[in-house]
N, C-alpha and C. Protein backbone atom coordinates (compact mmCIF):
# COMPACT_ATOMS: atom_id res chain seq x y z
N MET A 1 111.91 109.27 94.69
CA MET A 1 110.84 108.42 94.32
C MET A 1 110.06 109.05 93.16
N ALA A 2 109.92 108.32 92.08
CA ALA A 2 109.18 108.82 90.91
C ALA A 2 107.70 108.53 91.15
N THR A 3 106.85 109.52 90.88
CA THR A 3 105.44 109.40 91.00
C THR A 3 104.68 110.14 89.90
N HIS A 4 103.46 109.73 89.61
CA HIS A 4 102.59 110.47 88.68
C HIS A 4 101.15 110.22 89.16
N LEU A 5 100.35 111.23 89.12
CA LEU A 5 98.96 111.19 89.51
C LEU A 5 98.13 111.64 88.30
N GLY A 6 97.16 110.83 88.02
CA GLY A 6 96.21 111.18 86.95
C GLY A 6 94.79 110.81 87.38
N SER A 7 93.82 111.50 86.73
CA SER A 7 92.45 111.20 87.07
C SER A 7 91.57 111.29 85.82
N ARG A 8 90.46 110.70 85.86
CA ARG A 8 89.54 110.76 84.73
C ARG A 8 88.11 110.45 85.30
N GLN A 9 87.13 111.15 84.69
CA GLN A 9 85.74 110.95 85.09
C GLN A 9 85.05 110.05 84.08
N PHE A 10 84.34 109.02 84.56
CA PHE A 10 83.61 108.11 83.77
C PHE A 10 82.13 108.14 84.10
N GLN A 11 81.30 108.05 83.06
CA GLN A 11 79.86 107.99 83.27
C GLN A 11 79.47 106.60 83.78
N GLY A 12 78.64 106.60 84.76
CA GLY A 12 78.23 105.34 85.39
C GLY A 12 78.32 105.32 86.88
N ASP A 13 77.60 104.39 87.48
CA ASP A 13 77.62 104.34 88.91
C ASP A 13 78.96 103.72 89.46
N GLU A 14 79.22 103.82 90.67
CA GLU A 14 80.47 103.38 91.23
C GLU A 14 80.65 101.87 91.07
N ALA A 15 79.60 101.08 91.23
CA ALA A 15 79.77 99.58 91.15
C ALA A 15 80.23 99.21 89.75
N ARG A 16 79.68 99.82 88.73
CA ARG A 16 80.02 99.50 87.33
C ARG A 16 81.52 99.92 87.07
N VAL A 17 81.90 101.11 87.51
CA VAL A 17 83.28 101.56 87.30
C VAL A 17 84.24 100.73 88.16
N ARG A 18 83.84 100.34 89.34
CA ARG A 18 84.65 99.43 90.20
C ARG A 18 84.93 98.14 89.50
N ALA A 19 83.94 97.57 88.86
CA ALA A 19 84.14 96.32 88.12
C ALA A 19 85.13 96.50 86.91
N ALA A 20 85.04 97.67 86.29
CA ALA A 20 85.88 97.97 85.14
C ALA A 20 87.36 98.20 85.62
N VAL A 21 87.50 98.83 86.83
CA VAL A 21 88.79 99.00 87.41
C VAL A 21 89.44 97.67 87.75
N GLN A 22 88.65 96.74 88.30
CA GLN A 22 89.16 95.45 88.62
C GLN A 22 89.58 94.68 87.40
N ALA A 23 88.76 94.73 86.36
CA ALA A 23 89.08 94.12 85.02
C ALA A 23 90.31 94.70 84.40
N ALA A 24 90.41 96.05 84.48
CA ALA A 24 91.62 96.69 83.88
C ALA A 24 92.87 96.33 84.58
N ALA A 25 92.79 96.27 85.93
CA ALA A 25 94.01 95.90 86.71
C ALA A 25 94.37 94.44 86.38
N SER A 26 93.40 93.58 86.35
CA SER A 26 93.71 92.18 86.02
C SER A 26 94.28 92.02 84.62
N GLY A 27 93.71 92.77 83.68
CA GLY A 27 94.18 92.72 82.29
C GLY A 27 95.63 93.25 82.09
N LEU A 28 96.04 94.15 83.01
CA LEU A 28 97.41 94.69 82.85
C LEU A 28 98.40 93.90 83.71
N GLY A 29 97.91 92.86 84.39
CA GLY A 29 98.81 92.02 85.08
C GLY A 29 99.02 92.32 86.57
N TYR A 30 98.21 93.22 87.09
CA TYR A 30 98.32 93.47 88.51
C TYR A 30 97.50 92.44 89.31
N PRO A 31 98.05 91.85 90.36
CA PRO A 31 97.25 90.92 91.15
C PRO A 31 96.12 91.68 91.85
N VAL A 32 94.83 91.16 91.69
CA VAL A 32 93.70 91.84 92.25
C VAL A 32 92.97 90.86 93.19
N ALA A 33 92.66 91.35 94.39
CA ALA A 33 91.89 90.57 95.32
C ALA A 33 90.41 90.57 94.88
N ASP A 34 89.63 89.61 95.43
CA ASP A 34 88.21 89.56 95.05
C ASP A 34 87.43 90.80 95.56
N THR A 35 87.81 91.28 96.72
CA THR A 35 87.12 92.43 97.22
C THR A 35 88.02 93.63 97.02
N ILE A 36 87.34 94.67 96.44
CA ILE A 36 88.08 95.93 96.17
C ILE A 36 87.76 96.94 97.31
N GLN A 37 88.81 97.45 97.91
CA GLN A 37 88.72 98.48 98.87
C GLN A 37 89.00 99.81 98.29
N ASN A 38 88.65 100.85 98.90
CA ASN A 38 88.90 102.21 98.37
C ASN A 38 89.80 102.92 99.31
N PRO A 39 91.03 103.29 99.02
CA PRO A 39 91.69 103.07 97.74
C PRO A 39 92.20 101.64 97.54
N LEU A 40 92.27 101.26 96.32
CA LEU A 40 92.75 99.98 95.91
C LEU A 40 94.27 100.15 95.68
N VAL A 41 95.09 99.30 96.26
CA VAL A 41 96.53 99.36 96.09
C VAL A 41 96.97 98.16 95.37
N LEU A 42 97.59 98.37 94.17
CA LEU A 42 98.08 97.28 93.31
C LEU A 42 99.62 97.34 93.26
N LYS A 43 100.25 96.23 93.56
CA LYS A 43 101.72 96.20 93.53
C LYS A 43 102.26 95.19 92.50
N GLU A 44 103.15 95.70 91.72
CA GLU A 44 103.85 94.88 90.78
C GLU A 44 104.87 93.97 91.49
N LYS A 45 105.16 92.85 90.88
CA LYS A 45 106.25 91.99 91.34
C LYS A 45 107.54 92.42 90.70
N PHE A 46 108.70 92.21 91.45
CA PHE A 46 109.96 92.56 90.87
C PHE A 46 110.36 91.63 89.72
N ALA A 47 110.87 92.18 88.67
CA ALA A 47 111.32 91.47 87.48
C ALA A 47 112.85 91.72 87.26
N LEU A 48 113.58 90.69 87.10
CA LEU A 48 115.01 90.88 86.94
C LEU A 48 115.40 91.61 85.65
N LEU A 49 114.70 91.50 84.57
CA LEU A 49 115.07 92.08 83.32
C LEU A 49 114.26 93.31 83.00
N SER A 50 113.89 94.03 83.98
CA SER A 50 113.08 95.24 83.80
C SER A 50 113.88 96.52 83.72
N PHE A 51 113.47 97.54 83.02
CA PHE A 51 114.19 98.76 82.94
C PHE A 51 113.74 99.78 84.04
N SER A 52 112.71 99.38 84.78
CA SER A 52 112.26 100.23 85.89
C SER A 52 111.97 99.40 87.12
N TRP A 53 111.90 100.10 88.27
CA TRP A 53 111.62 99.40 89.48
C TRP A 53 110.12 99.04 89.49
N PRO A 54 109.73 98.05 90.37
CA PRO A 54 108.31 97.66 90.43
C PRO A 54 107.51 98.86 90.87
N ALA A 55 106.34 99.03 90.30
CA ALA A 55 105.44 100.17 90.60
C ALA A 55 104.36 99.78 91.54
N THR A 56 103.91 100.74 92.34
CA THR A 56 102.73 100.61 93.18
C THR A 56 101.73 101.58 92.58
N LEU A 57 100.54 101.03 92.25
CA LEU A 57 99.46 101.80 91.65
C LEU A 57 98.30 101.93 92.70
N THR A 58 97.98 103.16 93.11
CA THR A 58 96.94 103.34 94.06
C THR A 58 95.77 104.00 93.31
N VAL A 59 94.60 103.33 93.40
CA VAL A 59 93.44 103.79 92.65
C VAL A 59 92.33 104.13 93.65
N GLU A 60 91.78 105.33 93.49
CA GLU A 60 90.66 105.79 94.36
C GLU A 60 89.45 106.16 93.47
N LEU A 61 88.27 105.74 93.97
CA LEU A 61 87.02 106.02 93.30
C LEU A 61 86.23 107.02 94.10
N LYS A 62 85.57 107.95 93.36
CA LYS A 62 84.71 108.90 94.11
C LYS A 62 83.49 109.20 93.26
N SER A 63 82.32 108.87 93.75
CA SER A 63 81.05 109.10 93.00
C SER A 63 80.63 110.54 93.08
N GLU A 64 80.20 111.05 91.90
CA GLU A 64 79.71 112.45 91.84
C GLU A 64 78.48 112.47 90.95
N GLY A 65 77.36 112.36 91.52
CA GLY A 65 76.08 112.32 90.72
C GLY A 65 76.03 111.07 89.89
N GLY A 66 75.88 111.17 88.56
CA GLY A 66 75.85 109.99 87.72
C GLY A 66 77.16 109.59 87.18
N ALA A 67 78.29 110.16 87.69
CA ALA A 67 79.58 109.84 87.16
C ALA A 67 80.46 109.40 88.37
N THR A 68 81.56 108.78 88.01
CA THR A 68 82.56 108.33 89.00
C THR A 68 83.97 108.79 88.60
N GLN A 69 84.62 109.48 89.53
CA GLN A 69 85.95 109.97 89.27
C GLN A 69 86.93 108.83 89.70
N VAL A 70 87.89 108.50 88.80
CA VAL A 70 88.86 107.56 89.10
C VAL A 70 90.26 108.29 89.11
N SER A 71 90.87 108.24 90.30
CA SER A 71 92.20 108.83 90.46
C SER A 71 93.22 107.72 90.59
N ALA A 72 94.27 107.73 89.83
CA ALA A 72 95.33 106.72 89.90
C ALA A 72 96.65 107.38 90.12
N GLN A 73 97.44 106.87 91.11
CA GLN A 73 98.77 107.36 91.33
C GLN A 73 99.71 106.17 91.25
N SER A 74 100.76 106.29 90.46
CA SER A 74 101.76 105.29 90.32
C SER A 74 103.05 105.85 90.90
N LYS A 75 103.78 104.97 91.64
CA LYS A 75 105.04 105.41 92.17
C LYS A 75 106.00 104.20 92.21
N ASN A 76 107.25 104.56 92.23
CA ASN A 76 108.27 103.49 92.39
C ASN A 76 109.52 104.15 93.09
N PHE A 77 110.53 103.35 93.30
CA PHE A 77 111.71 103.81 94.05
C PHE A 77 112.65 104.61 93.24
N GLY A 78 112.53 104.53 91.96
CA GLY A 78 113.54 105.18 91.05
C GLY A 78 113.49 106.65 90.99
N PHE A 79 114.51 107.22 90.41
CA PHE A 79 114.64 108.68 90.22
C PHE A 79 114.98 108.95 88.76
N GLY A 80 114.72 110.21 88.32
CA GLY A 80 115.12 110.62 87.00
C GLY A 80 113.97 110.59 85.98
N PRO A 81 114.27 111.09 84.84
CA PRO A 81 113.25 111.26 83.79
C PRO A 81 112.75 109.95 83.22
N ILE A 82 113.57 108.90 83.16
CA ILE A 82 113.09 107.62 82.69
C ILE A 82 112.03 107.00 83.63
N GLN A 83 112.28 107.09 84.88
CA GLN A 83 111.38 106.52 85.86
C GLN A 83 110.06 107.35 85.88
N LYS A 84 110.19 108.66 85.80
CA LYS A 84 108.99 109.52 85.85
C LYS A 84 108.14 109.25 84.62
N LYS A 85 108.77 109.13 83.44
CA LYS A 85 108.03 108.83 82.23
C LYS A 85 107.36 107.45 82.30
N GLU A 86 108.00 106.55 82.87
CA GLU A 86 107.41 105.18 83.10
C GLU A 86 106.16 105.26 84.02
N MET A 87 106.22 106.07 85.09
CA MET A 87 105.12 106.14 85.99
C MET A 87 103.95 106.82 85.29
N ARG A 88 104.25 107.85 84.48
CA ARG A 88 103.19 108.57 83.77
C ARG A 88 102.49 107.59 82.75
N SER A 89 103.34 106.81 82.09
CA SER A 89 102.85 105.85 81.09
C SER A 89 101.93 104.81 81.78
N ARG A 90 102.33 104.35 82.93
CA ARG A 90 101.43 103.35 83.62
C ARG A 90 100.09 103.88 83.99
N VAL A 91 100.08 105.13 84.50
CA VAL A 91 98.80 105.73 84.90
C VAL A 91 97.93 105.90 83.62
N GLU A 92 98.50 106.47 82.60
CA GLU A 92 97.75 106.67 81.38
C GLU A 92 97.19 105.40 80.77
N LYS A 93 98.03 104.39 80.80
CA LYS A 93 97.62 103.08 80.26
C LYS A 93 96.52 102.48 81.15
N PHE A 94 96.58 102.60 82.43
CA PHE A 94 95.61 102.07 83.29
C PHE A 94 94.23 102.75 83.10
N LEU A 95 94.25 104.09 82.98
CA LEU A 95 92.99 104.84 82.84
C LEU A 95 92.39 104.54 81.46
N GLU A 96 93.22 104.34 80.42
CA GLU A 96 92.74 104.02 79.11
C GLU A 96 92.13 102.61 79.14
N GLU A 97 92.71 101.66 79.88
CA GLU A 97 92.13 100.35 79.94
C GLU A 97 90.83 100.34 80.72
N VAL A 98 90.66 101.22 81.68
CA VAL A 98 89.34 101.35 82.35
C VAL A 98 88.33 101.82 81.40
N ALA A 99 88.66 102.82 80.57
CA ALA A 99 87.76 103.30 79.52
C ALA A 99 87.37 102.24 78.54
N VAL A 100 88.31 101.38 78.20
CA VAL A 100 88.02 100.27 77.27
C VAL A 100 87.04 99.31 77.92
N GLN A 101 87.26 99.00 79.18
CA GLN A 101 86.41 98.04 79.92
C GLN A 101 85.01 98.57 80.00
N LEU A 102 84.85 99.95 80.05
CA LEU A 102 83.49 100.51 80.17
C LEU A 102 82.80 100.67 78.83
N ALA A 103 83.52 100.59 77.75
CA ALA A 103 82.97 100.79 76.41
C ALA A 103 82.07 99.58 75.98
């Protein structure tokens, strides 16, 4: 199973960062429920013409003073360097999208 874990600290309270996480997930095409739980589990749908297996992205928020730590782990069923690179790319893209939503 290919996995990648990444985290980033954002300035702001947990409610503001939670809204940015929800907007980022929605913007990247992950189905998002109206209520966000911690951890938030986002699952991609299977696509026939995809180069990688569908990914599951698990996002956890942790408040630390005036900042919020966002940890994201992406995993799928595949093996090998292509799948690992794809999982790393998805985590990095997600965290970057959260930063854009907070800007």
